[in-house]
Amino acid sequence: MQVFQSTDLKLSSGCIRYAVVASVLTPAECKRALALMWDWLEAAAPQPGQLQRDYPSTWHHWPPTVEGGILPYRGAGQSKVAWFVRSRLLVACAFASVWGSDAPLVTSFDGISAWRPWQMPPSPSSASCAISSHKAAARAAPAFQALWLRLRAAVDGAWETRRRCAWRTEAGWFHIDQNPLLKPVLCYFSHFHTLTHDVFL
């Protein structure tokens, strides 16, 4: 891993495997992005007003997730927070330095991620959070979600449901986004922007 203090990611070897670029977003930009994140979370809750940023007791009304923290549904990929982060100048500069300043930059619209503090005991009413979240997701993609639910129930059982309700990120999704057999030439970089320091704690 290499840590860069600027957005110039060019290496002498010409190959970046894993890198951290410090301070791509300013503290003010991080604060703004977090506010936009909460705006989206509150709007994407199962019912209006159920989730409130200042009241952790309401955080069990979380939008449907994948693996406990990934939020790909309900317009997350086109949300204001996603576009705010994508459109920051230093974000574009970081990628331009890798691909070359003249290369056109294209972004995916996958979604966003947000993790609740798993150390905090969930509300007693959150016992059904996994089931209700999956039901909400199933309305968006019935066939896929129904198959996913059956597989998870068979493999993980009740413990994974309790663990999801405890707000902990689910394990077992180690993967790469580009199949080197089907796409041997580098096509894209996977990345994420952290808005708080807590992600590393």
C-alpha atoms as a PDB file:
ATOM      1  CA  MET A   1       0.000   0.000   0.000  1.00  0.00           C
ATOM      2  CA  GLN A   2       1.136   3.528  -0.749  1.00  0.00           C
ATOM      3  CA  VAL A   3      -0.182   6.697   0.863  1.00  0.00           C
ATOM      4  CA  PHE A   4      -0.151   9.805  -1.327  1.00  0.00           C
ATOM      5  CA  GLN A   5      -0.412  13.329   0.002  1.00  0.00           C
ATOM      6  CA  SER A   6      -1.390  14.627  -3.423  1.00  0.00           C
ATOM      7  CA  THR A   7      -3.521  13.316  -6.269  1.00  0.00           C
ATOM      8  CA  ASP A   8      -0.498  12.326  -8.368  1.00  0.00           C
ATOM      9  CA  LEU A   9      -0.727   8.539  -8.353  1.00  0.00           C
ATOM     10  CA  LYS A  10       1.824   7.785 -11.046  1.00  0.00           C
ATOM     11  CA  LEU A  11       4.315   5.169  -9.919  1.00  0.00           C
ATOM     12  CA  SER A  12       7.669   4.314 -11.378  1.00  0.00           C
ATOM     13  CA  SER A  13       6.450   0.787 -12.045  1.00  0.00           C
ATOM     14  CA  GLY A  14       3.370   2.125 -13.796  1.00  0.00           C
ATOM     15  CA  CYS A  15       1.103  -0.180 -11.796  1.00  0.00           C
ATOM     16  CA  ILE A  16      -1.007   0.729  -8.759  1.00  0.00           C
ATOM     17  CA  ARG A  17      -2.371  -2.156  -6.732  1.00  0.00           C
ATOM     18  CA  TYR A  18      -3.604  -0.397  -3.616  1.00  0.00           C
ATOM     19  CA  ALA A  19      -3.211   3.236  -2.635  1.00  0.00           C
ATOM     20  CA  VAL A  20      -4.640   5.787  -0.232  1.00  0.00           C
ATOM     21  CA  VAL A  21      -4.896   9.429  -1.278  1.00  0.00           C
ATOM     22  CA  ALA A  22      -5.071  11.713   1.745  1.00  0.00           C
ATOM     23  CA  SER A  23      -7.332  14.764   2.027  1.00  0.00           C
ATOM     24  CA  VAL A  24      -9.040  14.513  -1.346  1.00  0.00           C
ATOM     25  CA  LEU A  25     -12.079  16.028   0.365  1.00  0.00           C
ATOM     26  CA  THR A  26     -11.697  18.975   2.709  1.00  0.00           C
ATOM     27  CA  PRO A  27     -13.237  18.841   6.217  1.00  0.00           C
ATOM     28  CA  ALA A  28     -15.977  21.185   5.002  1.00  0.00           C
ATOM     29  CA  GLU A  29     -16.696  18.923   2.022  1.00  0.00           C
ATOM     30  CA  CYS A  30     -16.834  15.869   4.284  1.00  0.00           C
ATOM     31  CA  LYS A  31     -19.283  17.664   6.563  1.00  0.00           C
ATOM     32  CA  ARG A  32     -21.431  18.644   3.592  1.00  0.00           C
ATOM     33  CA  ALA A  33     -21.349  15.110   2.196  1.00  0.00           C
ATOM     34  CA  LEU A  34     -22.369  13.632   5.559  1.00  0.00           C
ATOM     35  CA  ALA A  35     -25.327  16.010   5.719  1.00  0.00           C
ATOM     36  CA  LEU A  36     -26.373  14.962   2.214  1.00  0.00           C
ATOM     37  CA  MET A  37     -25.926  11.328   3.209  1.00  0.00           C
ATOM     38  CA  TRP A  38     -28.328  11.753   6.112  1.00  0.00           C
ATOM     39  CA  ASP A  39     -30.771  13.591   3.863  1.00  0.00           C
ATOM     40  CA  TRP A  40     -30.851  10.552   1.594  1.00  0.00           C
ATOM     41  CA  LEU A  41     -31.034   8.037   4.470  1.00  0.00           C
ATOM     42  CA  GLU A  42     -33.989   9.813   6.048  1.00  0.00           C
ATOM     43  CA  ALA A  43     -35.797  10.044   2.712  1.00  0.00           C
ATOM     44  CA  ALA A  44     -35.066   6.374   1.886  1.00  0.00           C
ATOM     45  CA  ALA A  45     -36.400   4.998   5.171  1.00  0.00           C
ATOM     46  CA  PRO A  46     -39.329   2.565   4.883  1.00  0.00           C
ATOM     47  CA  GLN A  47     -41.755   5.253   6.056  1.00  0.00           C
ATOM     48  CA  PRO A  48     -41.376   9.079   6.172  1.00  0.00           C
ATOM     49  CA  GLY A  49     -40.026  10.264   9.491  1.00  0.00           C
ATOM     50  CA  GLN A  50     -39.094   6.797  10.754  1.00  0.00           C
ATOM     51  CA  LEU A  51     -35.336   7.386  10.589  1.00  0.00           C
ATOM     52  CA  GLN A  52     -33.896  10.533  12.168  1.00  0.00           C
ATOM     53  CA  ARG A  53     -30.186  11.327  12.184  1.00  0.00           C
ATOM     54  CA  ASP A  54     -30.154  12.752  15.709  1.00  0.00           C
ATOM     55  CA  TYR A  55     -31.965   9.783  17.296  1.00  0.00           C
ATOM     56  CA  PRO A  56     -30.003   6.491  17.147  1.00  0.00           C
ATOM     57  CA  SER A  57     -33.053   4.683  18.517  1.00  0.00           C
ATOM     58  CA  THR A  58     -34.624   5.175  15.069  1.00  0.00           C
ATOM     59  CA  TRP A  59     -31.666   3.814  13.097  1.00  0.00           C
ATOM     60  CA  HIS A  60     -33.142   0.338  12.841  1.00  0.00           C
ATOM     61  CA  HIS A  61     -35.410   1.855  10.153  1.00  0.00           C
ATOM     62  CA  TRP A  62     -32.460   1.624   7.756  1.00  0.00           C
ATOM     63  CA  PRO A  63     -32.913   1.390   3.981  1.00  0.00           C
ATOM     64  CA  PRO A  64     -32.344  -2.096   2.471  1.00  0.00           C
ATOM     65  CA  THR A  65     -28.664  -3.048   2.387  1.00  0.00           C
ATOM     66  CA  VAL A  66     -26.376  -5.637   0.849  1.00  0.00           C
ATOM     67  CA  GLU A  67     -23.880  -7.300   3.221  1.00  0.00           C
ATOM     68  CA  GLY A  68     -24.906  -4.977   6.030  1.00  0.00           C
ATOM     69  CA  GLY A  69     -23.625  -1.625   4.755  1.00  0.00           C
ATOM     70  CA  ILE A  70     -23.856  -1.299   0.968  1.00  0.00           C
ATOM     71  CA  LEU A  71     -26.842   0.787  -0.128  1.00  0.00           C
ATOM     72  CA  PRO A  72     -27.577   0.133  -3.823  1.00  0.00           C
ATOM     73  CA  TYR A  73     -31.357   0.682  -3.814  1.00  0.00           C
ATOM     74  CA  ARG A  74     -33.794   3.609  -3.840  1.00  0.00           C
ATOM     75  CA  GLY A  75     -31.726   5.843  -6.068  1.00  0.00           C
ATOM     76  CA  ALA A  76     -28.570   5.780  -3.936  1.00  0.00           C
ATOM     77  CA  GLY A  77     -26.294   5.789  -6.981  1.00  0.00           C
ATOM     78  CA  GLN A  78     -27.901   8.966  -8.287  1.00  0.00           C
ATOM     79  CA  SER A  79     -28.317  10.652  -4.908  1.00  0.00           C
ATOM     80  CA  LYS A  80     -27.062  14.146  -4.176  1.00  0.00           C
ATOM     81  CA  VAL A  81     -24.343  12.841  -1.862  1.00  0.00           C
ATOM     82  CA  ALA A  82     -23.025  10.474  -4.539  1.00  0.00           C
ATOM     83  CA  TRP A  83     -22.851  13.230  -7.140  1.00  0.00           C
ATOM     84  CA  PHE A  84     -21.407  15.717  -4.666  1.00  0.00           C
ATOM     85  CA  VAL A  85     -18.453  13.431  -3.982  1.00  0.00           C
ATOM     86  CA  ARG A  86     -18.001  12.426  -7.632  1.00  0.00           C
ATOM     87  CA  SER A  87     -17.920  16.036  -8.773  1.00  0.00           C
ATOM     88  CA  ARG A  88     -15.145  17.238  -6.434  1.00  0.00           C
ATOM     89  CA  LEU A  89     -12.132  18.498  -8.375  1.00  0.00           C
ATOM     90  CA  LEU A  90      -9.488  16.502  -6.499  1.00  0.00           C
ATOM     91  CA  VAL A  91     -11.492  13.306  -6.953  1.00  0.00           C
ATOM     92  CA  ALA A  92     -11.337  13.797 -10.711  1.00  0.00           C
ATOM     93  CA  CYS A  93      -7.659  14.763 -10.494  1.00  0.00           C
ATOM     94  CA  ALA A  94      -6.804  11.529  -8.695  1.00  0.00           C
ATOM     95  CA  PHE A  95      -8.296   9.421 -11.458  1.00  0.00           C
ATOM     96  CA  ALA A  96      -6.942  11.649 -14.208  1.00  0.00           C
ATOM     97  CA  SER A  97      -3.426  11.111 -12.878  1.00  0.00           C
ATOM     98  CA  VAL A  98      -3.859   7.346 -13.187  1.00  0.00           C
ATOM     99  CA  TRP A  99      -5.484   7.175 -16.598  1.00  0.00           C
ATOM    100  CA  GLY A 100      -3.808  10.228 -18.109  1.00  0.00           C
ATOM    101  CA  SER A 101      -5.070  13.782 -18.164  1.00  0.00           C
ATOM    102  CA  ASP A 102      -6.539  13.437 -21.666  1.00  0.00           C
ATOM    103  CA  ALA A 103      -8.494  10.261 -20.968  1.00  0.00           C
ATOM    104  CA  PRO A 104     -12.271  10.653 -20.534  1.00  0.00           C
ATOM    105  CA  LEU A 105     -13.437   9.711 -17.046  1.00  0.00           C
ATOM    106  CA  VAL A 106     -16.513   7.537 -16.609  1.00  0.00           C
ATOM    107  CA  THR A 107     -18.068   6.641 -13.251  1.00  0.00           C
ATOM    108  CA  SER A 108     -20.317   3.809 -12.176  1.00  0.00           C
ATOM    109  CA  PHE A 109     -23.637   4.457 -10.446  1.00  0.00           C
ATOM    110  CA  ASP A 110     -23.506   1.562  -8.009  1.00  0.00           C
ATOM    111  CA  GLY A 111     -24.570   3.237  -4.786  1.00  0.00           C
ATOM    112  CA  ILE A 112     -23.206   4.369  -1.450  1.00  0.00           C
ATOM    113  CA  SER A 113     -22.233   2.712   1.833  1.00  0.00           C
ATOM    114  CA  ALA A 114     -22.999   3.585   5.431  1.00  0.00           C
ATOM    115  CA  TRP A 115     -22.396   1.569   8.572  1.00  0.00           C
ATOM    116  CA  ARG A 116     -24.102   2.108  11.873  1.00  0.00           C
ATOM    117  CA  PRO A 117     -22.007   1.811  15.070  1.00  0.00           C
ATOM    118  CA  TRP A 118     -22.323  -1.910  15.762  1.00  0.00           C
ATOM    119  CA  GLN A 119     -21.133  -1.431  19.357  1.00  0.00           C
ATOM    120  CA  MET A 120     -24.378   0.421  20.077  1.00  0.00           C
ATOM    121  CA  PRO A 121     -27.171  -1.936  21.192  1.00  0.00           C
ATOM    122  CA  PRO A 122     -29.988  -1.889  18.641  1.00  0.00           C
ATOM    123  CA  SER A 123     -33.502  -0.945  19.594  1.00  0.00           C
ATOM    124  CA  PRO A 124     -35.648  -3.854  20.883  1.00  0.00           C
ATOM    125  CA  SER A 125     -37.991  -3.280  17.957  1.00  0.00           C
ATOM    126  CA  SER A 126     -35.171  -3.999  15.505  1.00  0.00           C
ATOM    127  CA  ALA A 127     -35.615  -7.762  15.841  1.00  0.00           C
ATOM    128  CA  SER A 128     -37.423  -7.808  12.503  1.00  0.00           C
ATOM    129  CA  CYS A 129     -35.090  -5.401  10.717  1.00  0.00           C
ATOM    130  CA  ALA A 130     -33.476  -8.050   8.494  1.00  0.00           C
ATOM    131  CA  ILE A 131     -36.798  -9.473   7.367  1.00  0.00           C
ATOM    132  CA  SER A 132     -38.416  -6.107   6.709  1.00  0.00           C
ATOM    133  CA  SER A 133     -35.344  -4.807   4.884  1.00  0.00           C
ATOM    134  CA  HIS A 134     -35.225  -7.854   2.637  1.00  0.00           C
ATOM    135  CA  LYS A 135     -38.952  -7.583   1.934  1.00  0.00           C
ATOM    136  CA  ALA A 136     -38.498  -3.979   0.894  1.00  0.00           C
ATOM    137  CA  ALA A 137     -35.619  -4.954  -1.383  1.00  0.00           C
ATOM    138  CA  ALA A 138     -37.636  -7.825  -2.795  1.00  0.00           C
ATOM    139  CA  ARG A 139     -40.209  -5.389  -4.124  1.00  0.00           C
ATOM    140  CA  ALA A 140     -37.484  -3.825  -6.259  1.00  0.00           C
ATOM    141  CA  ALA A 141     -36.179  -7.093  -7.723  1.00  0.00           C
ATOM    142  CA  PRO A 142     -38.525  -9.964  -6.748  1.00  0.00           C
ATOM    143  CA  ALA A 143     -36.869 -12.871  -8.554  1.00  0.00           C
ATOM    144  CA  PHE A 144     -33.323 -12.054  -7.487  1.00  0.00           C
ATOM    145  CA  GLN A 145     -34.212 -11.151  -3.924  1.00  0.00           C
ATOM    146  CA  ALA A 146     -36.361 -14.246  -3.445  1.00  0.00           C
ATOM    147  CA  LEU A 147     -33.492 -16.481  -4.574  1.00  0.00           C
ATOM    148  CA  TRP A 148     -31.062 -14.534  -2.381  1.00  0.00           C
ATOM    149  CA  LEU A 149     -33.271 -14.942   0.665  1.00  0.00           C
ATOM    150  CA  ARG A 150     -33.576 -18.695   0.179  1.00  0.00           C
ATOM    151  CA  LEU A 151     -29.814 -19.107  -0.198  1.00  0.00           C
ATOM    152  CA  ARG A 152     -29.013 -16.978   2.827  1.00  0.00           C
ATOM    153  CA  ALA A 153     -31.599 -18.778   4.965  1.00  0.00           C
ATOM    154  CA  ALA A 154     -30.161 -22.161   4.006  1.00  0.00           C
ATOM    155  CA  VAL A 155     -26.505 -21.206   4.544  1.00  0.00           C
ATOM    156  CA  ASP A 156     -26.507 -18.688   7.337  1.00  0.00           C
ATOM    157  CA  GLY A 157     -29.527 -19.510   9.480  1.00  0.00           C
ATOM    158  CA  ALA A 158     -30.793 -17.494  12.378  1.00  0.00           C
ATOM    159  CA  TRP A 159     -27.345 -16.351  13.564  1.00  0.00           C
ATOM    160  CA  GLU A 160     -26.746 -14.194  10.492  1.00  0.00           C
ATOM    161  CA  THR A 161     -30.159 -12.597  10.981  1.00  0.00           C
ATOM    162  CA  ARG A 162     -29.264 -11.712  14.560  1.00  0.00           C
ATOM    163  CA  ARG A 163     -25.891 -10.414  13.436  1.00  0.00           C
ATOM    164  CA  ARG A 164     -27.507  -8.210  10.778  1.00  0.00           C
ATOM    165  CA  CYS A 165     -29.857  -6.843  13.398  1.00  0.00           C
ATOM    166  CA  ALA A 166     -26.811  -6.027  15.518  1.00  0.00           C
ATOM    167  CA  TRP A 167     -25.704  -3.717  12.672  1.00  0.00           C
ATOM    168  CA  ARG A 168     -22.495  -5.590  11.978  1.00  0.00           C
ATOM    169  CA  THR A 169     -21.079  -5.860   8.481  1.00  0.00           C
ATOM    170  CA  GLU A 170     -21.510  -9.358   7.091  1.00  0.00           C
ATOM    171  CA  ALA A 171     -18.406 -11.324   6.175  1.00  0.00           C
ATOM    172  CA  GLY A 172     -17.636 -13.542   3.225  1.00  0.00           C
ATOM    173  CA  TRP A 173     -17.817 -11.228   0.220  1.00  0.00           C
ATOM    174  CA  PHE A 174     -14.113 -11.049  -0.606  1.00  0.00           C
ATOM    175  CA  HIS A 175     -13.889 -10.537  -4.356  1.00  0.00           C
ATOM    176  CA  ILE A 176     -12.394  -8.559  -7.221  1.00  0.00           C
ATOM    177  CA  ASP A 177     -14.472  -6.454  -9.586  1.00  0.00           C
ATOM    178  CA  GLN A 178     -12.539  -7.234 -12.758  1.00  0.00           C
ATOM    179  CA  ASN A 179     -12.162 -10.842 -13.870  1.00  0.00           C
ATOM    180  CA  PRO A 180      -8.543 -11.136 -15.093  1.00  0.00           C
ATOM    181  CA  LEU A 181      -9.430 -14.090 -17.321  1.00  0.00           C
ATOM    182  CA  LEU A 182     -12.226 -12.313 -19.168  1.00  0.00           C
ATOM    183  CA  LYS A 183     -10.664  -8.837 -19.016  1.00  0.00           C
ATOM    184  CA  PRO A 184      -6.861  -9.169 -18.795  1.00  0.00           C
ATOM    185  CA  VAL A 185      -6.306  -5.471 -19.615  1.00  0.00           C
ATOM    186  CA  LEU A 186      -6.987  -2.980 -16.823  1.00  0.00           C
ATOM    187  CA  CYS A 187     -10.450  -1.500 -17.321  1.00  0.00           C
ATOM    188  CA  TYR A 188     -11.257   0.288 -14.078  1.00  0.00           C
ATOM    189  CA  PHE A 189     -10.261   0.985 -10.517  1.00  0.00           C
ATOM    190  CA  SER A 190     -12.438   0.200  -7.521  1.00  0.00           C
ATOM    191  CA  HIS A 191     -12.432   2.920  -4.902  1.00  0.00           C
ATOM    192  CA  PHE A 192     -14.286   4.505  -2.025  1.00  0.00           C
ATOM    193  CA  HIS A 193     -14.151   7.851  -0.267  1.00  0.00           C
ATOM    194  CA  THR A 194     -14.253   7.920   3.523  1.00  0.00           C
ATOM    195  CA  LEU A 195     -16.103  10.811   5.134  1.00  0.00           C
ATOM    196  CA  THR A 196     -15.107   9.996   8.728  1.00  0.00           C
ATOM    197  CA  HIS A 197     -12.101   8.470  10.460  1.00  0.00           C
ATOM    198  CA  ASP A 198     -14.246   5.811  12.131  1.00  0.00           C
ATOM    199  CA  VAL A 199     -14.039   3.460   9.158  1.00  0.00           C
ATOM    200  CA  PHE A 200     -10.438   2.652  10.102  1.00  0.00           C
ATOM    201  CA  LEU A 201     -11.058   2.169  13.840  1.00  0.00           C
END
